């Protein structure tokens, strides 16, 4: 695989991973904030019924899989293409 293609695919997966982690962080922080001000479980239930946390986790799993797959199958090949 050419270096440019490898780097583009890796960058895309890494960006998705960062977005998912940030989403999960904000969901968690908002849930803690809502509970601490006494809004209760109904406010935090919206996160889970709307599937925001589940969607963020799916994106994280997918991104991690893409990163691992690129490293496992293409990392050394992209370096060889660069040198050769």
C-alpha atoms as a PDB file:
ATOM      1  CA  UNK A   1       0.000   0.000   0.000  1.00  0.00           C
ATOM      2  CA  UNK A   2       1.337   3.419  -0.874  1.00  0.00           C
ATOM      3  CA  UNK A   3       2.392   5.576   2.049  1.00  0.00           C
ATOM      4  CA  UNK A   4      -0.084   8.342   1.220  1.00  0.00           C
ATOM      5  CA  UNK A   5      -3.058   5.973   1.174  1.00  0.00           C
ATOM      6  CA  UNK A   6      -1.948   4.302   4.398  1.00  0.00           C
ATOM      7  CA  UNK A   7      -1.543   7.658   6.140  1.00  0.00           C
ATOM      8  CA  UNK A   8      -4.922   8.912   4.922  1.00  0.00           C
ATOM      9  CA  UNK A   9      -6.719   5.773   6.142  1.00  0.00           C
ATOM     10  CA  UNK A  10      -4.872   5.877   9.455  1.00  0.00           C
ATOM     11  CA  UNK A  11      -5.611   9.575   9.975  1.00  0.00           C
ATOM     12  CA  UNK A  12      -9.286   9.019   9.276  1.00  0.00           C
ATOM     13  CA  UNK A  13      -9.495   6.157  11.769  1.00  0.00           C
ATOM     14  CA  UNK A  14      -7.591   8.123  14.405  1.00  0.00           C
ATOM     15  CA  UNK A  15      -9.917  11.111  13.949  1.00  0.00           C
ATOM     16  CA  UNK A  16     -12.963   8.869  14.374  1.00  0.00           C
ATOM     17  CA  UNK A  17     -11.421   7.388  17.517  1.00  0.00           C
ATOM     18  CA  UNK A  18     -10.837  10.852  18.987  1.00  0.00           C
ATOM     19  CA  UNK A  19     -14.394  11.920  18.158  1.00  0.00           C
ATOM     20  CA  UNK A  20     -15.839   8.822  19.814  1.00  0.00           C
ATOM     21  CA  UNK A  21     -13.728   9.215  22.950  1.00  0.00           C
ATOM     22  CA  UNK A  22     -14.671  12.878  23.205  1.00  0.00           C
ATOM     23  CA  UNK A  23     -18.357  12.040  22.777  1.00  0.00           C
ATOM     24  CA  UNK A  24     -18.176   9.419  25.527  1.00  0.00           C
ATOM     25  CA  UNK A  25     -16.369  11.881  27.790  1.00  0.00           C
ATOM     26  CA  UNK A  26     -19.045  14.552  27.292  1.00  0.00           C
ATOM     27  CA  UNK A  27     -21.867  12.053  27.769  1.00  0.00           C
ATOM     28  CA  UNK A  28     -20.281  10.920  31.036  1.00  0.00           C
ATOM     29  CA  UNK A  29     -19.581  14.457  32.257  1.00  0.00           C
ATOM     30  CA  UNK A  30     -23.084  15.615  31.421  1.00  0.00           C
ATOM     31  CA  UNK A  31     -24.604  12.621  33.194  1.00  0.00           C
ATOM     32  CA  UNK A  32     -22.547  13.349  36.313  1.00  0.00           C
ATOM     33  CA  UNK A  33     -23.459  17.042  36.173  1.00  0.00           C
ATOM     34  CA  UNK A  34     -27.167  16.302  35.795  1.00  0.00           C
ATOM     35  CA  UNK A  35     -27.111  13.885  38.713  1.00  0.00           C
ATOM     36  CA  UNK A  36     -25.144  16.277  40.928  1.00  0.00           C
ATOM     37  CA  UNK A  37     -27.661  19.104  40.477  1.00  0.00           C
ATOM     38  CA  UNK A  38     -30.558  16.818  41.302  1.00  0.00           C
ATOM     39  CA  UNK A  39     -32.158  16.453  37.892  1.00  0.00           C
ATOM     40  CA  UNK A  40     -32.266  12.713  38.392  1.00  0.00           C
ATOM     41  CA  UNK A  41     -32.224   9.588  36.319  1.00  0.00           C
ATOM     42  CA  UNK A  42     -34.748  10.791  33.743  1.00  0.00           C
ATOM     43  CA  UNK A  43     -32.250  13.283  32.297  1.00  0.00           C
ATOM     44  CA  UNK A  44     -29.437  10.758  31.967  1.00  0.00           C
ATOM     45  CA  UNK A  45     -31.746   8.084  30.589  1.00  0.00           C
ATOM     46  CA  UNK A  46     -32.076  10.208  27.450  1.00  0.00           C
ATOM     47  CA  UNK A  47     -28.457   9.555  26.598  1.00  0.00           C
ATOM     48  CA  UNK A  48     -28.998   5.837  26.570  1.00  0.00           C
ATOM     49  CA  UNK A  49     -32.443   5.770  24.955  1.00  0.00           C
ATOM     50  CA  UNK A  50     -31.168   8.042  22.172  1.00  0.00           C
ATOM     51  CA  UNK A  51     -28.289   5.610  21.677  1.00  0.00           C
ATOM     52  CA  UNK A  52     -25.669   8.355  21.867  1.00  0.00           C
ATOM     53  CA  UNK A  53     -23.387   6.300  24.093  1.00  0.00           C
ATOM     54  CA  UNK A  54     -23.946   3.148  22.046  1.00  0.00           C
ATOM     55  CA  UNK A  55     -23.246   4.998  18.795  1.00  0.00           C
ATOM     56  CA  UNK A  56     -20.042   6.496  20.198  1.00  0.00           C
ATOM     57  CA  UNK A  57     -18.915   3.063  21.363  1.00  0.00           C
ATOM     58  CA  UNK A  58     -19.606   1.544  17.934  1.00  0.00           C
ATOM     59  CA  UNK A  59     -17.543   4.281  16.284  1.00  0.00           C
ATOM     60  CA  UNK A  60     -14.724   3.689  18.782  1.00  0.00           C
ATOM     61  CA  UNK A  61     -14.711  -0.069  18.183  1.00  0.00           C
ATOM     62  CA  UNK A  62     -14.760   0.441  14.416  1.00  0.00           C
ATOM     63  CA  UNK A  63     -11.931   2.988  14.536  1.00  0.00           C
ATOM     64  CA  UNK A  64      -9.795   0.774  16.776  1.00  0.00           C
ATOM     65  CA  UNK A  65     -10.373  -2.127  14.405  1.00  0.00           C
ATOM     66  CA  UNK A  66      -9.355  -0.066  11.409  1.00  0.00           C
ATOM     67  CA  UNK A  67      -6.206   1.163  13.167  1.00  0.00           C
ATOM     68  CA  UNK A  68      -5.253  -2.363  14.231  1.00  0.00           C
ATOM     69  CA  UNK A  69      -5.956  -3.785  10.774  1.00  0.00           C
ATOM     70  CA  UNK A  70      -3.837  -1.155   9.072  1.00  0.00           C
ATOM     71  CA  UNK A  71      -0.983  -1.829  11.460  1.00  0.00           C
ATOM     72  CA  UNK A  72      -1.254  -5.590  11.154  1.00  0.00           C
ATOM     73  CA  UNK A  73      -1.547  -5.890   7.377  1.00  0.00           C
ATOM     74  CA  UNK A  74      -0.180  -2.723   5.816  1.00  0.00           C
ATOM     75  CA  UNK A  75       2.268  -0.837   8.052  1.00  0.00           C
ATOM     76  CA  UNK A  76       5.414  -2.620   6.839  1.00  0.00           C
ATOM     77  CA  UNK A  77       4.188  -2.672   3.244  1.00  0.00           C
ATOM     78  CA  UNK A  78       3.660   1.094   3.232  1.00  0.00           C
ATOM     79  CA  UNK A  79       7.234   1.594   4.459  1.00  0.00           C
ATOM     80  CA  UNK A  80       8.568  -0.650   1.701  1.00  0.00           C
ATOM     81  CA  UNK A  81       6.657   1.318  -0.914  1.00  0.00           C
ATOM     82  CA  UNK A  82       8.213   4.503   0.434  1.00  0.00           C
ATOM     83  CA  UNK A  83      11.721   3.076   0.179  1.00  0.00           C
ATOM     84  CA  UNK A  84      11.272   1.170  -3.008  1.00  0.00           C
END
